[in-house]
Amino acid sequence: RTTFTENKAGTSGGGVGFSLNRPSKVDPSIVEDCLFDQNNATLTGGGMDVNSRFTTVHVSTTRFHHNYAGQRGGAVSGSADAVITVTDSIMANNAAGDAGGSAYATATSLTFDNVSVTDSVAGRAGGGVAITGDTSAGAFTSTSFRRCNASAVGGAVAAW
């Protein structure tokens, strides 16, 4: 198992930051059997940030625990036409100052399959997950949201 523990980033991707600008025909990045624990980013993606034009990231059998982003995506944040798929994973006790306690997607395709999202908090919207933007898409299959909280809208999921 690969672990990312107690890492900090001044802007994005406390544990891992994908900032590549590559075409979608390139093989996807794989994050498998990892632990992201107590990572912190000032802006987005406390655990992991995918800010990569047309980049695909597949996350599987991975745990995101106690990660924090000052603005969006406590565990995972995606933007810039990224494609993020999370399967057979756990997101627990993550937080974001604004939106997406565990995950945030803007101009991103976000898919969860067999994911447990628990005890996540956002300062404004999407205690568990926040999805925003005209080109964003979200899909959830066999996924559970439990005890997620947002101060304004979407305790579990907010989309706008």
C-alpha atoms as a PDB file:
ATOM      1  CA  ARG A   1       0.000   0.000   0.000  1.00  0.00           C
ATOM      2  CA  THR A   2       1.190   3.492  -0.843  1.00  0.00           C
ATOM      3  CA  THR A   3       0.507   6.113   1.818  1.00  0.00           C
ATOM      4  CA  PHE A   4       0.297   9.900   1.654  1.00  0.00           C
ATOM      5  CA  THR A   5       0.193  11.170   5.221  1.00  0.00           C
ATOM      6  CA  GLU A   6       0.357  14.682   6.739  1.00  0.00           C
ATOM      7  CA  ASN A   7       1.449  16.404   3.519  1.00  0.00           C
ATOM      8  CA  LYS A   8       0.687  20.061   2.771  1.00  0.00           C
ATOM      9  CA  ALA A   9       0.446  22.148  -0.393  1.00  0.00           C
ATOM     10  CA  GLY A  10       0.332  25.931  -0.597  1.00  0.00           C
ATOM     11  CA  THR A  11      -2.389  25.823  -3.246  1.00  0.00           C
ATOM     12  CA  SER A  12      -3.656  22.445  -4.501  1.00  0.00           C
ATOM     13  CA  GLY A  13      -3.097  18.724  -4.091  1.00  0.00           C
ATOM     14  CA  GLY A  14      -1.984  18.245  -0.501  1.00  0.00           C
ATOM     15  CA  GLY A  15      -1.103  14.602  -1.134  1.00  0.00           C
ATOM     16  CA  VAL A  16      -0.912  14.438  -4.950  1.00  0.00           C
ATOM     17  CA  GLY A  17      -1.384  17.082  -7.616  1.00  0.00           C
ATOM     18  CA  PHE A  18      -2.003  16.171 -11.268  1.00  0.00           C
ATOM     19  CA  SER A  19      -1.145  19.262 -13.302  1.00  0.00           C
ATOM     20  CA  LEU A  20      -0.395  17.736 -16.675  1.00  0.00           C
ATOM     21  CA  ASN A  21      -1.657  19.125 -19.953  1.00  0.00           C
ATOM     22  CA  ARG A  22      -1.988  16.053 -22.108  1.00  0.00           C
ATOM     23  CA  PRO A  23      -4.559  14.765 -24.590  1.00  0.00           C
ATOM     24  CA  SER A  24      -7.224  12.253 -23.607  1.00  0.00           C
ATOM     25  CA  LYS A  25      -5.674   9.550 -25.831  1.00  0.00           C
ATOM     26  CA  VAL A  26      -2.884   9.046 -23.294  1.00  0.00           C
ATOM     27  CA  ASP A  27      -3.398   6.129 -20.883  1.00  0.00           C
ATOM     28  CA  PRO A  28      -5.147   7.120 -17.646  1.00  0.00           C
ATOM     29  CA  SER A  29      -3.301   7.658 -14.396  1.00  0.00           C
ATOM     30  CA  ILE A  30      -3.972   4.900 -11.852  1.00  0.00           C
ATOM     31  CA  VAL A  31      -4.230   5.437  -8.090  1.00  0.00           C
ATOM     32  CA  GLU A  32      -4.725   2.009  -6.514  1.00  0.00           C
ATOM     33  CA  ASP A  33      -4.575   0.638  -2.970  1.00  0.00           C
ATOM     34  CA  CYS A  34      -3.506   3.947  -1.420  1.00  0.00           C
ATOM     35  CA  LEU A  35      -4.142   5.747   1.840  1.00  0.00           C
ATOM     36  CA  PHE A  36      -4.511   9.540   1.864  1.00  0.00           C
ATOM     37  CA  ASP A  37      -4.542  10.589   5.513  1.00  0.00           C
ATOM     38  CA  GLN A  38      -4.387  14.057   7.098  1.00  0.00           C
ATOM     39  CA  ASN A  39      -3.265  15.912   3.975  1.00  0.00           C
ATOM     40  CA  ASN A  40      -3.962  19.616   3.559  1.00  0.00           C
ATOM     41  CA  ALA A  41      -4.194  22.112   0.688  1.00  0.00           C
ATOM     42  CA  THR A  42      -4.818  25.824   1.053  1.00  0.00           C
ATOM     43  CA  LEU A  43      -7.195  25.940  -1.934  1.00  0.00           C
ATOM     44  CA  THR A  44      -8.329  22.665  -3.563  1.00  0.00           C
ATOM     45  CA  GLY A  45      -7.846  18.928  -3.247  1.00  0.00           C
ATOM     46  CA  GLY A  46      -6.653  18.269   0.267  1.00  0.00           C
ATOM     47  CA  GLY A  47      -5.813  14.681  -0.630  1.00  0.00           C
ATOM     48  CA  MET A  48      -5.593  14.855  -4.422  1.00  0.00           C
ATOM     49  CA  ASP A  49      -6.113  17.554  -7.048  1.00  0.00           C
ATOM     50  CA  VAL A  50      -6.655  16.835 -10.749  1.00  0.00           C
ATOM     51  CA  ASN A  51      -6.256  20.102 -12.627  1.00  0.00           C
ATOM     52  CA  SER A  52      -5.233  18.643 -15.937  1.00  0.00           C
ATOM     53  CA  ARG A  53      -6.753  19.316 -19.302  1.00  0.00           C
ATOM     54  CA  PHE A  54      -8.399  16.090 -20.523  1.00  0.00           C
ATOM     55  CA  THR A  55      -6.616  13.866 -17.991  1.00  0.00           C
ATOM     56  CA  THR A  56      -8.272  10.685 -16.761  1.00  0.00           C
ATOM     57  CA  VAL A  57      -7.555   9.371 -13.258  1.00  0.00           C
ATOM     58  CA  HIS A  58      -8.855   6.021 -12.010  1.00  0.00           C
ATOM     59  CA  VAL A  59      -8.886   5.627  -8.214  1.00  0.00           C
ATOM     60  CA  SER A  60      -9.620   2.199  -6.727  1.00  0.00           C
ATOM     61  CA  THR A  61      -9.429   0.458  -3.340  1.00  0.00           C
ATOM     62  CA  THR A  62      -8.199   3.689  -1.789  1.00  0.00           C
ATOM     63  CA  ARG A  63      -9.013   5.379   1.516  1.00  0.00           C
ATOM     64  CA  PHE A  64      -9.243   9.140   2.001  1.00  0.00           C
ATOM     65  CA  HIS A  65      -9.348  10.002   5.717  1.00  0.00           C
ATOM     66  CA  HIS A  66      -9.086  13.351   7.545  1.00  0.00           C
ATOM     67  CA  ASN A  67      -8.005  15.446   4.543  1.00  0.00           C
ATOM     68  CA  TYR A  68      -8.761  19.171   4.352  1.00  0.00           C
ATOM     69  CA  ALA A  69      -8.964  21.812   1.631  1.00  0.00           C
ATOM     70  CA  GLY A  70      -9.329  25.484   2.519  1.00  0.00           C
ATOM     71  CA  GLN A  71     -11.813  26.014  -0.309  1.00  0.00           C
ATOM     72  CA  ARG A  72     -12.995  22.971  -2.297  1.00  0.00           C
ATOM     73  CA  GLY A  73     -12.590  19.183  -2.360  1.00  0.00           C
ATOM     74  CA  GLY A  74     -11.412  17.978   1.033  1.00  0.00           C
ATOM     75  CA  ALA A  75     -10.289  14.611  -0.341  1.00  0.00           C
ATOM     76  CA  VAL A  76     -10.446  15.028  -4.149  1.00  0.00           C
ATOM     77  CA  SER A  77     -10.887  18.009  -6.462  1.00  0.00           C
ATOM     78  CA  GLY A  78     -11.168  17.994 -10.241  1.00  0.00           C
ATOM     79  CA  SER A  79     -11.235  20.758 -12.852  1.00  0.00           C
ATOM     80  CA  ALA A  80     -10.241  21.597 -16.438  1.00  0.00           C
ATOM     81  CA  ASP A  81     -12.107  18.790 -18.240  1.00  0.00           C
ATOM     82  CA  ALA A  82     -10.669  16.062 -16.029  1.00  0.00           C
ATOM     83  CA  VAL A  83     -12.283  12.619 -15.801  1.00  0.00           C
ATOM     84  CA  ILE A  84     -12.170  11.067 -12.323  1.00  0.00           C
ATOM     85  CA  THR A  85     -13.502   7.592 -11.520  1.00  0.00           C
ATOM     86  CA  VAL A  86     -13.473   6.316  -7.926  1.00  0.00           C
ATOM     87  CA  THR A  87     -14.320   2.662  -7.242  1.00  0.00           C
ATOM     88  CA  ASP A  88     -14.319   0.386  -4.197  1.00  0.00           C
ATOM     89  CA  SER A  89     -13.041   3.182  -1.949  1.00  0.00           C
ATOM     90  CA  ILE A  90     -13.759   4.937   1.344  1.00  0.00           C
ATOM     91  CA  MET A  91     -13.906   8.679   2.037  1.00  0.00           C
ATOM     92  CA  ALA A  92     -14.335   9.549   5.710  1.00  0.00           C
ATOM     93  CA  ASN A  93     -13.902  12.611   7.918  1.00  0.00           C
ATOM     94  CA  ASN A  94     -12.826  14.936   5.114  1.00  0.00           C
ATOM     95  CA  ALA A  95     -13.614  18.663   5.083  1.00  0.00           C
ATOM     96  CA  ALA A  96     -13.563  21.701   2.827  1.00  0.00           C
ATOM     97  CA  GLY A  97     -13.947  25.342   3.811  1.00  0.00           C
ATOM     98  CA  ASP A  98     -16.426  26.068   1.000  1.00  0.00           C
ATOM     99  CA  ALA A  99     -17.724  23.121  -1.058  1.00  0.00           C
ATOM    100  CA  GLY A 100     -17.278  19.386  -1.512  1.00  0.00           C
ATOM    101  CA  GLY A 101     -16.285  18.004   1.867  1.00  0.00           C
ATOM    102  CA  SER A 102     -14.972  14.821   0.249  1.00  0.00           C
ATOM    103  CA  ALA A 103     -15.067  15.645  -3.492  1.00  0.00           C
ATOM    104  CA  TYR A 104     -15.491  18.682  -5.719  1.00  0.00           C
ATOM    105  CA  ALA A 105     -15.868  18.716  -9.507  1.00  0.00           C
ATOM    106  CA  THR A 106     -16.006  21.692 -11.844  1.00  0.00           C
ATOM    107  CA  ALA A 107     -15.770  21.157 -15.617  1.00  0.00           C
ATOM    108  CA  THR A 108     -15.141  17.521 -14.650  1.00  0.00           C
ATOM    109  CA  SER A 109     -16.736  14.114 -15.058  1.00  0.00           C
ATOM    110  CA  LEU A 110     -16.918  12.473 -11.620  1.00  0.00           C
ATOM    111  CA  THR A 111     -18.028   8.844 -11.187  1.00  0.00           C
ATOM    112  CA  PHE A 112     -18.353   6.926  -7.917  1.00  0.00           C
ATOM    113  CA  ASP A 113     -18.954   3.161  -7.934  1.00  0.00           C
ATOM    114  CA  ASN A 114     -19.142   1.325  -4.604  1.00  0.00           C
ATOM    115  CA  VAL A 115     -17.829   4.254  -2.570  1.00  0.00           C
ATOM    116  CA  SER A 116     -18.631   5.033   1.057  1.00  0.00           C
ATOM    117  CA  VAL A 117     -18.700   8.739   1.967  1.00  0.00           C
ATOM    118  CA  THR A 118     -19.153   9.393   5.699  1.00  0.00           C
ATOM    119  CA  ASP A 119     -18.744  12.205   8.219  1.00  0.00           C
ATOM    120  CA  SER A 120     -17.676  14.779   5.633  1.00  0.00           C
ATOM    121  CA  VAL A 121     -18.289  18.515   6.027  1.00  0.00           C
ATOM    122  CA  ALA A 122     -18.354  21.558   3.751  1.00  0.00           C
ATOM    123  CA  GLY A 123     -18.599  25.157   4.890  1.00  0.00           C
ATOM    124  CA  ARG A 124     -21.289  25.998   2.335  1.00  0.00           C
ATOM    125  CA  ALA A 125     -22.357  23.304  -0.161  1.00  0.00           C
ATOM    126  CA  GLY A 126     -22.052  19.578  -0.759  1.00  0.00           C
ATOM    127  CA  GLY A 127     -21.019  18.099   2.554  1.00  0.00           C
ATOM    128  CA  GLY A 128     -20.104  14.901   0.722  1.00  0.00           C
ATOM    129  CA  VAL A 129     -19.784  15.957  -2.929  1.00  0.00           C
ATOM    130  CA  ALA A 130     -20.221  19.208  -4.864  1.00  0.00           C
ATOM    131  CA  ILE A 131     -20.574  19.302  -8.655  1.00  0.00           C
ATOM    132  CA  THR A 132     -20.651  22.611 -10.496  1.00  0.00           C
ATOM    133  CA  GLY A 133     -20.387  23.978 -14.009  1.00  0.00           C
ATOM    134  CA  ASP A 134     -22.142  23.485 -17.332  1.00  0.00           C
ATOM    135  CA  THR A 135     -19.700  20.811 -18.510  1.00  0.00           C
ATOM    136  CA  SER A 136     -19.614  18.790 -15.282  1.00  0.00           C
ATOM    137  CA  ALA A 137     -21.248  15.405 -14.827  1.00  0.00           C
ATOM    138  CA  GLY A 138     -21.688  13.178 -11.804  1.00  0.00           C
ATOM    139  CA  ALA A 139     -22.718   9.528 -11.515  1.00  0.00           C
ATOM    140  CA  PHE A 140     -23.119   7.461  -8.353  1.00  0.00           C
ATOM    141  CA  THR A 141     -23.629   3.679  -8.360  1.00  0.00           C
ATOM    142  CA  SER A 142     -23.773   1.527  -5.208  1.00  0.00           C
ATOM    143  CA  THR A 143     -22.483   4.513  -3.240  1.00  0.00           C
ATOM    144  CA  SER A 144     -23.520   5.490   0.275  1.00  0.00           C
ATOM    145  CA  PHE A 145     -23.516   8.929   1.893  1.00  0.00           C
ATOM    146  CA  ARG A 146     -23.833   9.022   5.681  1.00  0.00           C
ATOM    147  CA  ARG A 147     -23.593  11.863   8.193  1.00  0.00           C
ATOM    148  CA  CYS A 148     -22.395  14.453   5.671  1.00  0.00           C
ATOM    149  CA  ASN A 149     -23.108  18.117   6.419  1.00  0.00           C
ATOM    150  CA  ALA A 150     -23.121  21.462   4.619  1.00  0.00           C
ATOM    151  CA  SER A 151     -24.115  24.748   6.196  1.00  0.00           C
ATOM    152  CA  ALA A 152     -26.229  25.924   3.243  1.00  0.00           C
ATOM    153  CA  VAL A 153     -27.203  23.346   0.597  1.00  0.00           C
ATOM    154  CA  GLY A 154     -26.756  19.641  -0.175  1.00  0.00           C
ATOM    155  CA  GLY A 155     -25.823  17.853   3.013  1.00  0.00           C
ATOM    156  CA  ALA A 156     -24.702  14.821   0.975  1.00  0.00           C
ATOM    157  CA  VAL A 157     -24.568  16.131  -2.625  1.00  0.00           C
ATOM    158  CA  ALA A 158     -24.961  19.593  -4.148  1.00  0.00           C
ATOM    159  CA  ALA A 159     -25.037  20.287  -7.880  1.00  0.00           C
ATOM    160  CA  TRP A 160     -25.408  23.649  -9.570  1.00  0.00           C
END
